[in-house]
Amino acid sequence: MDIDAAIMYYFNEVIKPTVVENGEVVKVPVYYANPERWKTIQRQGYLRDSKKQLIIPLVVFKRNSLAKDDSITVDKMNPEDPKLHYTFERKYTQENRYDRFSVLQGKKPSQEFY
């Protein structure tokens, strides 16, 4: 669904569809049409909201197919050295706390890695 979100973002943030109606600028809503919604729009010729009111104007898009592009390289994971670990640093604990007394005494916090 990342492709659909990218198209939705492009419509809403780059194209920003608007219509001038009665001297007012009206923002045009953009919807992703799942198969059921698309069939309803094709059959009826319009879309209604939850209050049964027509949504006009409207931009609707749907995805027909998805194909892999072999010309784009994908990072491969080395099975011998997968590098699937992450090191966490524990900042403060009860013993390694930060307070004014520690600062006055010149204590440096120790680093704990997991």
PDB file of N, CA and C in Angstrom:
ATOM      1  N   MET A   1       0.807  -1.197   0.000  1.00  0.00           N
ATOM      2  CA  MET A   1       0.000   0.000   0.000  1.00  0.00           C
ATOM      3  C   MET A   1       0.857   1.270   0.000  1.00  0.00           C
ATOM      4  N   ASP A   2       2.167   1.120  -0.016  1.00  0.00           N
ATOM      5  CA  ASP A   2       3.031   2.294  -0.038  1.00  0.00           C
ATOM      6  C   ASP A   2       2.876   3.083  -1.329  1.00  0.00           C
ATOM      7  N   ILE A   3       2.609   2.383  -2.414  1.00  0.00           N
ATOM      8  CA  ILE A   3       2.434   3.053  -3.700  1.00  0.00           C
ATOM      9  C   ILE A   3       1.186   3.916  -3.658  1.00  0.00           C
ATOM     10  N   ASP A   4       0.115   3.379  -3.091  1.00  0.00           N
ATOM     11  CA  ASP A   4      -1.130   4.137  -2.987  1.00  0.00           C
ATOM     12  C   ASP A   4      -0.946   5.370  -2.110  1.00  0.00           C
ATOM     13  N   ALA A   5      -0.211   5.219  -1.018  1.00  0.00           N
ATOM     14  CA  ALA A   5       0.049   6.360  -0.137  1.00  0.00           C
ATOM     15  C   ALA A   5       0.896   7.413  -0.848  1.00  0.00           C
ATOM     16  N   ALA A   6       1.836   6.986  -1.684  1.00  0.00           N
ATOM     17  CA  ALA A   6       2.663   7.933  -2.432  1.00  0.00           C
ATOM     18  C   ALA A   6       1.820   8.704  -3.445  1.00  0.00           C
ATOM     19  N   ILE A   7       0.907   8.020  -4.105  1.00  0.00           N
ATOM     20  CA  ILE A   7       0.031   8.695  -5.068  1.00  0.00           C
ATOM     21  C   ILE A   7      -0.896   9.660  -4.343  1.00  0.00           C
ATOM     22  N   MET A   8      -1.433   9.224  -3.215  1.00  0.00           N
ATOM     23  CA  MET A   8      -2.313  10.090  -2.426  1.00  0.00           C
ATOM     24  C   MET A   8      -1.555  11.330  -1.958  1.00  0.00           C
ATOM     25  N   TYR A   9      -0.319  11.150  -1.498  1.00  0.00           N
ATOM     26  CA  TYR A   9       0.502  12.280  -1.073  1.00  0.00           C
ATOM     27  C   TYR A   9       0.750  13.234  -2.243  1.00  0.00           C
ATOM     28  N   TYR A  10       1.053  12.683  -3.422  1.00  0.00           N
ATOM     29  CA  TYR A  10       1.334  13.520  -4.584  1.00  0.00           C
ATOM     30  C   TYR A  10       0.112  14.353  -4.959  1.00  0.00           C
ATOM     31  N   PHE A  11      -1.056  13.719  -4.947  1.00  0.00           N
ATOM     32  CA  PHE A  11      -2.277  14.466  -5.257  1.00  0.00           C
ATOM     33  C   PHE A  11      -2.524  15.570  -4.231  1.00  0.00           C
ATOM     34  N   ASN A  12      -2.455  15.225  -2.945  1.00  0.00           N
ATOM     35  CA  ASN A  12      -2.827  16.181  -1.901  1.00  0.00           C
ATOM     36  C   ASN A  12      -1.793  17.264  -1.653  1.00  0.00           C
ATOM     37  N   GLU A  13      -0.504  16.947  -1.790  1.00  0.00           N
ATOM     38  CA  GLU A  13       0.541  17.897  -1.420  1.00  0.00           C
ATOM     39  C   GLU A  13       1.222  18.578  -2.603  1.00  0.00           C
ATOM     40  N   VAL A  14       1.184  17.971  -3.779  1.00  0.00           N
ATOM     41  CA  VAL A  14       1.860  18.565  -4.933  1.00  0.00           C
ATOM     42  C   VAL A  14       0.845  19.164  -5.897  1.00  0.00           C
ATOM     43  N   ILE A  15      -0.108  18.350  -6.334  1.00  0.00           N
ATOM     44  CA  ILE A  15      -1.104  18.834  -7.294  1.00  0.00           C
ATOM     45  C   ILE A  15      -2.099  19.770  -6.612  1.00  0.00           C
ATOM     46  N   LYS A  16      -2.562  19.399  -5.427  1.00  0.00           N
ATOM     47  CA  LYS A  16      -3.536  20.176  -4.655  1.00  0.00           C
ATOM     48  C   LYS A  16      -4.726  20.584  -5.525  1.00  0.00           C
ATOM     49  N   PRO A  17      -5.549  19.608  -5.925  1.00  0.00           N
ATOM     50  CA  PRO A  17      -6.663  19.935  -6.826  1.00  0.00           C
ATOM     51  C   PRO A  17      -7.695  20.840  -6.155  1.00  0.00           C
ATOM     52  N   THR A  18      -8.066  21.908  -6.861  1.00  0.00           N
ATOM     53  CA  THR A  18      -9.078  22.844  -6.382  1.00  0.00           C
ATOM     54  C   THR A  18     -10.004  23.203  -7.533  1.00  0.00           C
ATOM     55  N   VAL A  19     -11.196  23.676  -7.176  1.00  0.00           N
ATOM     56  CA  VAL A  19     -12.191  24.118  -8.144  1.00  0.00           C
ATOM     57  C   VAL A  19     -12.740  25.447  -7.650  1.00  0.00           C
ATOM     58  N   VAL A  20     -12.981  26.375  -8.577  1.00  0.00           N
ATOM     59  CA  VAL A  20     -13.613  27.639  -8.223  1.00  0.00           C
ATOM     60  C   VAL A  20     -15.110  27.478  -8.443  1.00  0.00           C
ATOM     61  N   GLU A  21     -15.878  27.613  -7.353  1.00  0.00           N
ATOM     62  CA  GLU A  21     -17.326  27.451  -7.426  1.00  0.00           C
ATOM     63  C   GLU A  21     -17.991  28.637  -6.740  1.00  0.00           C
ATOM     64  N   ASN A  22     -18.795  29.381  -7.491  1.00  0.00           N
ATOM     65  CA  ASN A  22     -19.482  30.579  -6.982  1.00  0.00           C
ATOM     66  C   ASN A  22     -18.496  31.574  -6.376  1.00  0.00           C
ATOM     67  N   GLY A  23     -17.356  31.725  -6.994  1.00  0.00           N
ATOM     68  CA  GLY A  23     -16.357  32.664  -6.512  1.00  0.00           C
ATOM     69  C   GLY A  23     -15.526  32.159  -5.349  1.00  0.00           C
ATOM     70  N   GLU A  24     -15.778  30.940  -4.869  1.00  0.00           N
ATOM     71  CA  GLU A  24     -15.008  30.355  -3.774  1.00  0.00           C
ATOM     72  C   GLU A  24     -14.099  29.263  -4.309  1.00  0.00           C
ATOM     73  N   VAL A  25     -12.930  29.141  -3.712  1.00  0.00           N
ATOM     74  CA  VAL A  25     -12.007  28.066  -4.067  1.00  0.00           C
ATOM     75  C   VAL A  25     -12.317  26.879  -3.162  1.00  0.00           C
ATOM     76  N   VAL A  26     -12.697  25.752  -3.778  1.00  0.00           N
ATOM     77  CA  VAL A  26     -13.076  24.551  -3.044  1.00  0.00           C
ATOM     78  C   VAL A  26     -12.026  23.484  -3.286  1.00  0.00           C
ATOM     79  N   LYS A  27     -11.526  22.888  -2.210  1.00  0.00           N
ATOM     80  CA  LYS A  27     -10.551  21.811  -2.332  1.00  0.00           C
ATOM     81  C   LYS A  27     -11.263  20.543  -2.786  1.00  0.00           C
ATOM     82  N   VAL A  28     -10.692  19.863  -3.773  1.00  0.00           N
ATOM     83  CA  VAL A  28     -11.281  18.642  -4.311  1.00  0.00           C
ATOM     84  C   VAL A  28     -10.759  17.459  -3.507  1.00  0.00           C
ATOM     85  N   PRO A  29     -11.655  16.644  -2.929  1.00  0.00           N
ATOM     86  CA  PRO A  29     -11.187  15.480  -2.174  1.00  0.00           C
ATOM     87  C   PRO A  29     -10.623  14.405  -3.098  1.00  0.00           C
ATOM     88  N   VAL A  30      -9.629  13.687  -2.585  1.00  0.00           N
ATOM     89  CA  VAL A  30      -8.982  12.613  -3.334  1.00  0.00           C
ATOM     90  C   VAL A  30      -9.175  11.325  -2.548  1.00  0.00           C
ATOM     91  N   TYR A  31      -9.667  10.282  -3.226  1.00  0.00           N
ATOM     92  CA  TYR A  31      -9.920   8.997  -2.586  1.00  0.00           C
ATOM     93  C   TYR A  31      -9.206   7.884  -3.332  1.00  0.00           C
ATOM     94  N   TYR A  32      -8.780   6.885  -2.576  1.00  0.00           N
ATOM     95  CA  TYR A  32      -8.320   5.630  -3.164  1.00  0.00           C
ATOM     96  C   TYR A  32      -9.545   4.742  -3.310  1.00  0.00           C
ATOM     97  N   ALA A  33      -9.734   4.155  -4.473  1.00  0.00           N
ATOM     98  CA  ALA A  33     -10.906   3.315  -4.719  1.00  0.00           C
ATOM     99  C   ALA A  33     -10.523   1.854  -4.604  1.00  0.00           C
ATOM    100  N   ASN A  34     -10.976   1.215  -3.518  1.00  0.00           N
ATOM    101  CA  ASN A  34     -10.830  -0.228  -3.430  1.00  0.00           C
ATOM    102  C   ASN A  34     -11.796  -0.851  -4.442  1.00  0.00           C
ATOM    103  N   PRO A  35     -11.710  -2.143  -4.714  1.00  0.00           N
ATOM    104  CA  PRO A  35     -12.552  -2.724  -5.773  1.00  0.00           C
ATOM    105  C   PRO A  35     -14.052  -2.501  -5.576  1.00  0.00           C
ATOM    106  N   GLU A  36     -14.535  -2.571  -4.344  1.00  0.00           N
ATOM    107  CA  GLU A  36     -15.963  -2.370  -4.111  1.00  0.00           C
ATOM    108  C   GLU A  36     -16.379  -0.935  -4.421  1.00  0.00           C
ATOM    109  N   ARG A  37     -15.591   0.017  -3.957  1.00  0.00           N
ATOM    110  CA  ARG A  37     -15.906   1.423  -4.211  1.00  0.00           C
ATOM    111  C   ARG A  37     -15.812   1.731  -5.700  1.00  0.00           C
ATOM    112  N   TRP A  38     -14.794   1.182  -6.362  1.00  0.00           N
ATOM    113  CA  TRP A  38     -14.625   1.437  -7.783  1.00  0.00           C
ATOM    114  C   TRP A  38     -15.818   0.898  -8.573  1.00  0.00           C
ATOM    115  N   LYS A  39     -16.286  -0.290  -8.226  1.00  0.00           N
ATOM    116  CA  LYS A  39     -17.431  -0.870  -8.930  1.00  0.00           C
ATOM    117  C   LYS A  39     -18.690  -0.031  -8.702  1.00  0.00           C
ATOM    118  N   THR A  40     -18.876   0.467  -7.488  1.00  0.00           N
ATOM    119  CA  THR A  40     -20.023   1.328  -7.196  1.00  0.00           C
ATOM    120  C   THR A  40     -19.966   2.610  -8.013  1.00  0.00           C
ATOM    121  N   ILE A  41     -18.792   3.212  -8.091  1.00  0.00           N
ATOM    122  CA  ILE A  41     -18.644   4.446  -8.869  1.00  0.00           C
ATOM    123  C   ILE A  41     -18.887   4.171 -10.344  1.00  0.00           C
ATOM    124  N   GLN A  42     -18.382   3.054 -10.860  1.00  0.00           N
ATOM    125  CA  GLN A  42     -18.581   2.724 -12.267  1.00  0.00           C
ATOM    126  C   GLN A  42     -20.057   2.457 -12.565  1.00  0.00           C
ATOM    127  N   ARG A  43     -20.743   1.780 -11.652  1.00  0.00           N
ATOM    128  CA  ARG A  43     -22.144   1.432 -11.870  1.00  0.00           C
ATOM    129  C   ARG A  43     -23.051   2.659 -11.746  1.00  0.00           C
ATOM    130  N   GLN A  44     -22.861   3.449 -10.682  1.00  0.00           N
ATOM    131  CA  GLN A  44     -23.746   4.580 -10.429  1.00  0.00           C
ATOM    132  C   GLN A  44     -23.288   5.868 -11.103  1.00  0.00           C
ATOM    133  N   GLY A  45     -21.990   6.016 -11.299  1.00  0.00           N
ATOM    134  CA  GLY A  45     -21.463   7.222 -11.919  1.00  0.00           C
ATOM    135  C   GLY A  45     -21.117   8.317 -10.921  1.00  0.00           C
ATOM    136  N   TYR A  46     -21.271   8.057  -9.637  1.00  0.00           N
ATOM    137  CA  TYR A  46     -20.963   9.032  -8.598  1.00  0.00           C
ATOM    138  C   TYR A  46     -20.666   8.292  -7.302  1.00  0.00           C
ATOM    139  N   LEU A  47     -20.253   9.059  -6.287  1.00  0.00           N
ATOM    140  CA  LEU A  47     -19.948   8.494  -4.977  1.00  0.00           C
ATOM    141  C   LEU A  47     -20.706   9.279  -3.920  1.00  0.00           C
ATOM    142  N   ARG A  48     -21.226   8.565  -2.931  1.00  0.00           N
ATOM    143  CA  ARG A  48     -21.949   9.196  -1.824  1.00  0.00           C
ATOM    144  C   ARG A  48     -21.167   8.988  -0.529  1.00  0.00           C
ATOM    145  N   ASP A  49     -21.317   9.938   0.409  1.00  0.00           N
ATOM    146  CA  ASP A  49     -20.667   9.804   1.709  1.00  0.00           C
ATOM    147  C   ASP A  49     -21.581   9.060   2.674  1.00  0.00           C
ATOM    148  N   SER A  50     -21.216   9.033   3.953  1.00  0.00           N
ATOM    149  CA  SER A  50     -21.990   8.282   4.945  1.00  0.00           C
ATOM    150  C   SER A  50     -23.376   8.882   5.188  1.00  0.00           C
ATOM    151  N   LYS A  51     -23.563  10.163   4.851  1.00  0.00           N
ATOM    152  CA  LYS A  51     -24.869  10.813   5.009  1.00  0.00           C
ATOM    153  C   LYS A  51     -25.694  10.733   3.726  1.00  0.00           C
ATOM    154  N   LYS A  52     -25.236   9.923   2.775  1.00  0.00           N
ATOM    155  CA  LYS A  52     -25.917   9.718   1.488  1.00  0.00           C
ATOM    156  C   LYS A  52     -25.941  10.971   0.617  1.00  0.00           C
ATOM    157  N   GLN A  53     -24.983  11.862   0.813  1.00  0.00           N
ATOM    158  CA  GLN A  53     -24.887  13.054  -0.017  1.00  0.00           C
ATOM    159  C   GLN A  53     -23.848  12.817  -1.101  1.00  0.00           C
ATOM    160  N   LEU A  54     -24.084  13.378  -2.288  1.00  0.00           N
ATOM    161  CA  LEU A  54     -23.131  13.247  -3.385  1.00  0.00           C
ATOM    162  C   LEU A  54     -21.829  13.958  -3.046  1.00  0.00           C
ATOM    163  N   ILE A  55     -20.732  13.353  -3.437  1.00  0.00           N
ATOM    164  CA  ILE A  55     -19.421  13.981  -3.283  1.00  0.00           C
ATOM    165  C   ILE A  55     -19.013  14.462  -4.671  1.00  0.00           C
ATOM    166  N   ILE A  56     -19.173  15.759  -4.881  1.00  0.00           N
ATOM    167  CA  ILE A  56     -18.849  16.357  -6.173  1.00  0.00           C
ATOM    168  C   ILE A  56     -18.151  17.669  -5.887  1.00  0.00           C
ATOM    169  N   PRO A  57     -17.047  18.018  -6.474  1.00  0.00           N
ATOM    170  CA  PRO A  57     -16.166  17.257  -7.354  1.00  0.00           C
ATOM    171  C   PRO A  57     -15.359  16.243  -6.560  1.00  0.00           C
ATOM    172  N   LEU A  58     -14.739  15.338  -7.284  1.00  0.00           N
ATOM    173  CA  LEU A  58     -14.034  14.235  -6.645  1.00  0.00           C
ATOM    174  C   LEU A  58     -12.962  13.696  -7.580  1.00  0.00           C
ATOM    175  N   VAL A  59     -11.817  13.324  -7.012  1.00  0.00           N
ATOM    176  CA  VAL A  59     -10.769  12.619  -7.753  1.00  0.00           C
ATOM    177  C   VAL A  59     -10.616  11.256  -7.099  1.00  0.00           C
ATOM    178  N   VAL A  60     -10.750  10.201  -7.907  1.00  0.00           N
ATOM    179  CA  VAL A  60     -10.639   8.831  -7.413  1.00  0.00           C
ATOM    180  C   VAL A  60      -9.587   8.121  -8.244  1.00  0.00           C
ATOM    181  N   PHE A  61      -8.726   7.350  -7.585  1.00  0.00           N
ATOM    182  CA  PHE A  61      -7.747   6.547  -8.314  1.00  0.00           C
ATOM    183  C   PHE A  61      -7.762   5.136  -7.784  1.00  0.00           C
ATOM    184  N   LYS A  62      -7.356   4.207  -8.633  1.00  0.00           N
ATOM    185  CA  LYS A  62      -7.259   2.807  -8.222  1.00  0.00           C
ATOM    186  C   LYS A  62      -6.023   2.194  -8.844  1.00  0.00           C
ATOM    187  N   ARG A  63      -5.581   1.117  -8.262  1.00  0.00           N
ATOM    188  CA  ARG A  63      -4.402   0.407  -8.758  1.00  0.00           C
ATOM    189  C   ARG A  63      -4.872  -0.774  -9.586  1.00  0.00           C
ATOM    190  N   ASN A  64      -4.377  -0.875 -10.817  1.00  0.00           N
ATOM    191  CA  ASN A  64      -4.748  -1.999 -11.676  1.00  0.00           C
ATOM    192  C   ASN A  64      -3.829  -3.185 -11.474  1.00  0.00           C
ATOM    193  N   SER A  65      -2.544  -2.911 -11.413  1.00  0.00           N
ATOM    194  CA  SER A  65      -1.585  -4.002 -11.277  1.00  0.00           C
ATOM    195  C   SER A  65      -0.319  -3.470 -10.623  1.00  0.00           C
ATOM    196  N   LEU A  66       0.537  -4.411 -10.286  1.00  0.00           N
ATOM    197  CA  LEU A  66       1.805  -4.084  -9.658  1.00  0.00           C
ATOM    198  C   LEU A  66       2.849  -4.994 -10.268  1.00  0.00           C
ATOM    199  N   ALA A  67       3.924  -4.423 -10.774  1.00  0.00           N
ATOM    200  CA  ALA A  67       4.966  -5.222 -11.413  1.00  0.00           C
ATOM    201  C   ALA A  67       6.319  -4.831 -10.840  1.00  0.00           C
ATOM    202  N   LYS A  68       7.182  -5.813 -10.712  1.00  0.00           N
ATOM    203  CA  LYS A  68       8.521  -5.574 -10.191  1.00  0.00           C
ATOM    204  C   LYS A  68       9.400  -5.031 -11.308  1.00  0.00           C
ATOM    205  N   ASP A  69      10.181  -3.999 -10.986  1.00  0.00           N
ATOM    206  CA  ASP A  69      11.104  -3.410 -11.942  1.00  0.00           C
ATOM    207  C   ASP A  69      12.484  -3.989 -11.674  1.00  0.00           C
ATOM    208  N   ASP A  70      12.985  -4.822 -12.582  1.00  0.00           N
ATOM    209  CA  ASP A  70      14.275  -5.479 -12.397  1.00  0.00           C
ATOM    210  C   ASP A  70      15.458  -4.546 -12.630  1.00  0.00           C
ATOM    211  N   SER A  71      15.216  -3.378 -13.208  1.00  0.00           N
ATOM    212  CA  SER A  71      16.325  -2.462 -13.460  1.00  0.00           C
ATOM    213  C   SER A  71      16.768  -1.735 -12.183  1.00  0.00           C
ATOM    214  N   ILE A  72      15.938  -1.737 -11.145  1.00  0.00           N
ATOM    215  CA  ILE A  72      16.289  -1.092  -9.883  1.00  0.00           C
ATOM    216  C   ILE A  72      16.990  -2.114  -8.995  1.00  0.00           C
ATOM    217  N   THR A  73      18.174  -1.761  -8.522  1.00  0.00           N
ATOM    218  CA  THR A  73      18.916  -2.692  -7.678  1.00  0.00           C
ATOM    219  C   THR A  73      18.361  -2.676  -6.259  1.00  0.00           C
ATOM    220  N   VAL A  74      18.422  -3.817  -5.626  1.00  0.00           N
ATOM    221  CA  VAL A  74      17.944  -3.976  -4.258  1.00  0.00           C
ATOM    222  C   VAL A  74      19.127  -4.414  -3.409  1.00  0.00           C
ATOM    223  N   ASP A  75      19.261  -3.821  -2.230  1.00  0.00           N
ATOM    224  CA  ASP A  75      20.347  -4.220  -1.339  1.00  0.00           C
ATOM    225  C   ASP A  75      20.157  -5.667  -0.919  1.00  0.00           C
ATOM    226  N   LYS A  76      21.190  -6.440  -1.084  1.00  0.00           N
ATOM    227  CA  LYS A  76      21.139  -7.854  -0.708  1.00  0.00           C
ATOM    228  C   LYS A  76      21.731  -8.023   0.680  1.00  0.00           C
ATOM    229  N   MET A  77      21.176  -8.945   1.436  1.00  0.00           N
ATOM    230  CA  MET A  77      21.688  -9.235   2.764  1.00  0.00           C
ATOM    231  C   MET A  77      22.656 -10.403   2.670  1.00  0.00           C
ATOM    232  N   ASN A  78      23.817 -10.247   3.284  1.00  0.00           N
ATOM    233  CA  ASN A  78      24.809 -11.303   3.297  1.00  0.00           C
ATOM    234  C   ASN A  78      24.416 -12.317   4.371  1.00  0.00           C
ATOM    235  N   PRO A  79      24.124 -13.579   4.018  1.00  0.00           N
ATOM    236  CA  PRO A  79      23.714 -14.553   5.037  1.00  0.00           C
ATOM    237  C   PRO A  79      24.833 -14.907   6.013  1.00  0.00           C
ATOM    238  N   GLU A  80      26.089 -14.710   5.615  1.00  0.00           N
ATOM    239  CA  GLU A  80      27.210 -14.991   6.504  1.00  0.00           C
ATOM    240  C   GLU A  80      27.360 -13.909   7.578  1.00  0.00           C
ATOM    241  N   ASP A  81      27.012 -12.667   7.233  1.00  0.00           N
ATOM    242  CA  ASP A  81      27.117 -11.536   8.158  1.00  0.00           C
ATOM    243  C   ASP A  81      25.855 -10.681   8.016  1.00  0.00           C
ATOM    244  N   PRO A  82      24.740 -11.103   8.625  1.00  0.00           N
ATOM    245  CA  PRO A  82      23.469 -10.433   8.352  1.00  0.00           C
ATOM    246  C   PRO A  82      23.336  -9.016   8.902  1.00  0.00           C
ATOM    247  N   LYS A  83      24.051  -8.664   9.948  1.00  0.00           N
ATOM    248  CA  LYS A  83      23.992  -7.328  10.557  1.00  0.00           C
ATOM    249  C   LYS A  83      22.558  -6.939  10.913  1.00  0.00           C
ATOM    250  N   LEU A  84      21.893  -7.849  11.601  1.00  0.00           N
ATOM    251  CA  LEU A  84      20.519  -7.608  12.019  1.00  0.00           C
ATOM    252  C   LEU A  84      20.436  -7.297  13.508  1.00  0.00           C
ATOM    253  N   HIS A  85      21.493  -6.737  14.059  1.00  0.00           N
ATOM    254  CA  HIS A  85      21.484  -6.412  15.480  1.00  0.00           C
ATOM    255  C   HIS A  85      21.565  -4.901  15.654  1.00  0.00           C
ATOM    256  N   TYR A  86      21.121  -4.469  16.790  1.00  0.00           N
ATOM    257  CA  TYR A  86      21.113  -3.050  17.103  1.00  0.00           C
ATOM    258  C   TYR A  86      21.586  -2.886  18.539  1.00  0.00           C
ATOM    259  N   THR A  87      22.469  -1.960  18.778  1.00  0.00           N
ATOM    260  CA  THR A  87      23.006  -1.735  20.113  1.00  0.00           C
ATOM    261  C   THR A  87      22.233  -0.603  20.777  1.00  0.00           C
ATOM    262  N   PHE A  88      21.754  -0.875  21.990  1.00  0.00           N
ATOM    263  CA  PHE A  88      21.029   0.123  22.758  1.00  0.00           C
ATOM    264  C   PHE A  88      21.915   0.623  23.889  1.00  0.00           C
ATOM    265  N   GLU A  89      21.839   1.904  24.158  1.00  0.00           N
ATOM    266  CA  GLU A  89      22.566   2.478  25.283  1.00  0.00           C
ATOM    267  C   GLU A  89      21.554   2.873  26.351  1.00  0.00           C
ATOM    268  N   ARG A  90      21.792   2.397  27.542  1.00  0.00           N
ATOM    269  CA  ARG A  90      20.918   2.741  28.653  1.00  0.00           C
ATOM    270  C   ARG A  90      21.472   4.009  29.281  1.00  0.00           C
ATOM    271  N   LYS A  91      20.718   5.070  29.212  1.00  0.00           N
ATOM    272  CA  LYS A  91      21.214   6.370  29.654  1.00  0.00           C
ATOM    273  C   LYS A  91      21.294   6.475  31.177  1.00  0.00           C
ATOM    274  N   TYR A  92      20.167   6.371  31.842  1.00  0.00           N
ATOM    275  CA  TYR A  92      20.155   6.600  33.277  1.00  0.00           C
ATOM    276  C   TYR A  92      19.422   5.471  33.988  1.00  0.00           C
ATOM    277  N   THR A  93      19.993   5.050  35.126  1.00  0.00           N
ATOM    278  CA  THR A  93      19.365   4.055  35.984  1.00  0.00           C
ATOM    279  C   THR A  93      19.370   4.611  37.402  1.00  0.00           C
ATOM    280  N   GLN A  94      18.935   3.804  38.349  1.00  0.00           N
ATOM    281  CA  GLN A  94      18.935   4.241  39.745  1.00  0.00           C
ATOM    282  C   GLN A  94      20.370   4.474  40.228  1.00  0.00           C
ATOM    283  N   GLU A  95      21.297   3.613  39.808  1.00  0.00           N
ATOM    284  CA  GLU A  95      22.695   3.780  40.209  1.00  0.00           C
ATOM    285  C   GLU A  95      23.402   4.831  39.349  1.00  0.00           C
ATOM    286  N   ASN A  96      22.992   4.964  38.112  1.00  0.00           N
ATOM    287  CA  ASN A  96      23.626   5.873  37.166  1.00  0.00           C
ATOM    288  C   ASN A  96      22.658   7.028  36.886  1.00  0.00           C
ATOM    289  N   ARG A  97      22.298   7.768  37.926  1.00  0.00           N
ATOM    290  CA  ARG A  97      21.298   8.813  37.755  1.00  0.00           C
ATOM    291  C   ARG A  97      21.974  10.168  37.575  1.00  0.00           C
ATOM    292  N   TYR A  98      21.200  11.070  37.030  1.00  0.00           N
ATOM    293  CA  TYR A  98      21.689  12.427  36.823  1.00  0.00           C
ATOM    294  C   TYR A  98      20.990  13.343  37.816  1.00  0.00           C
ATOM    295  N   ASP A  99      21.743  13.939  38.699  1.00  0.00           N
ATOM    296  CA  ASP A  99      21.192  14.927  39.621  1.00  0.00           C
ATOM    297  C   ASP A  99      22.277  15.962  39.911  1.00  0.00           C
ATOM    298  N   ARG A 100      21.929  16.989  40.639  1.00  0.00           N
ATOM    299  CA  ARG A 100      22.876  18.073  40.911  1.00  0.00           C
ATOM    300  C   ARG A 100      24.040  17.613  41.782  1.00  0.00           C
ATOM    301  N   PHE A 101      23.781  16.681  42.682  1.00  0.00           N
ATOM    302  CA  PHE A 101      24.851  16.188  43.548  1.00  0.00           C
ATOM    303  C   PHE A 101      25.925  15.491  42.720  1.00  0.00           C
ATOM    304  N   SER A 102      25.497  14.695  41.737  1.00  0.00           N
ATOM    305  CA  SER A 102      26.471  14.014  40.877  1.00  0.00           C
ATOM    306  C   SER A 102      27.297  15.021  40.089  1.00  0.00           C
ATOM    307  N   VAL A 103      26.665  16.096  39.651  1.00  0.00           N
ATOM    308  CA  VAL A 103      27.385  17.121  38.898  1.00  0.00           C
ATOM    309  C   VAL A 103      28.384  17.833  39.800  1.00  0.00           C
ATOM    310  N   LEU A 104      27.983  18.161  41.030  1.00  0.00           N
ATOM    311  CA  LEU A 104      28.889  18.839  41.960  1.00  0.00           C
ATOM    312  C   LEU A 104      30.077  17.963  42.327  1.00  0.00           C
ATOM    313  N   GLN A 105      29.870  16.659  42.426  1.00  0.00           N
ATOM    314  CA  GLN A 105      30.949  15.740  42.765  1.00  0.00           C
ATOM    315  C   GLN A 105      31.824  15.427  41.560  1.00  0.00           C
ATOM    316  N   GLY A 106      31.395  15.830  40.372  1.00  0.00           N
ATOM    317  CA  GLY A 106      32.179  15.577  39.173  1.00  0.00           C
ATOM    318  C   GLY A 106      32.059  14.158  38.661  1.00  0.00           C
ATOM    319  N   LYS A 107      30.999  13.466  39.037  1.00  0.00           N
ATOM    320  CA  LYS A 107      30.811  12.088  38.574  1.00  0.00           C
ATOM    321  C   LYS A 107      30.346  12.094  37.125  1.00  0.00           C
ATOM    322  N   LYS A 108      30.976  11.283  36.347  1.00  0.00           N
ATOM    323  CA  LYS A 108      30.589  11.114  34.945  1.00  0.00           C
ATOM    324  C   LYS A 108      29.669   9.901  34.841  1.00  0.00           C
ATOM    325  N   PRO A 109      28.600  10.001  34.090  1.00  0.00           N
ATOM    326  CA  PRO A 109      27.719   8.836  33.945  1.00  0.00           C
ATOM    327  C   PRO A 109      28.420   7.737  33.154  1.00  0.00           C
ATOM    328  N   SER A 110      28.245   6.517  33.612  1.00  0.00           N
ATOM    329  CA  SER A 110      28.838   5.392  32.891  1.00  0.00           C
ATOM    330  C   SER A 110      27.921   5.006  31.741  1.00  0.00           C
ATOM    331  N   GLN A 111      28.497   4.398  30.744  1.00  0.00           N
ATOM    332  CA  GLN A 111      27.718   3.989  29.583  1.00  0.00           C
ATOM    333  C   GLN A 111      27.473   2.496  29.653  1.00  0.00           C
ATOM    334  N   GLU A 112      26.205   2.108  29.496  1.00  0.00           N
ATOM    335  CA  GLU A 112      25.828   0.704  29.490  1.00  0.00           C
ATOM    336  C   GLU A 112      25.235   0.391  28.124  1.00  0.00           C
ATOM    337  N   PHE A 113      25.822  -0.576  27.454  1.00  0.00           N
ATOM    338  CA  PHE A 113      25.336  -0.973  26.136  1.00  0.00           C
ATOM    339  C   PHE A 113      24.743  -2.361  26.208  1.00  0.00           C
ATOM    340  N   TYR A 114      23.668  -2.575  25.477  1.00  0.00           N
ATOM    341  CA  TYR A 114      23.014  -3.874  25.418  1.00  0.00           C
ATOM    342  C   TYR A 114      22.907  -4.325  23.986  1.00  0.00           C
TER     343      TYR A 114
END
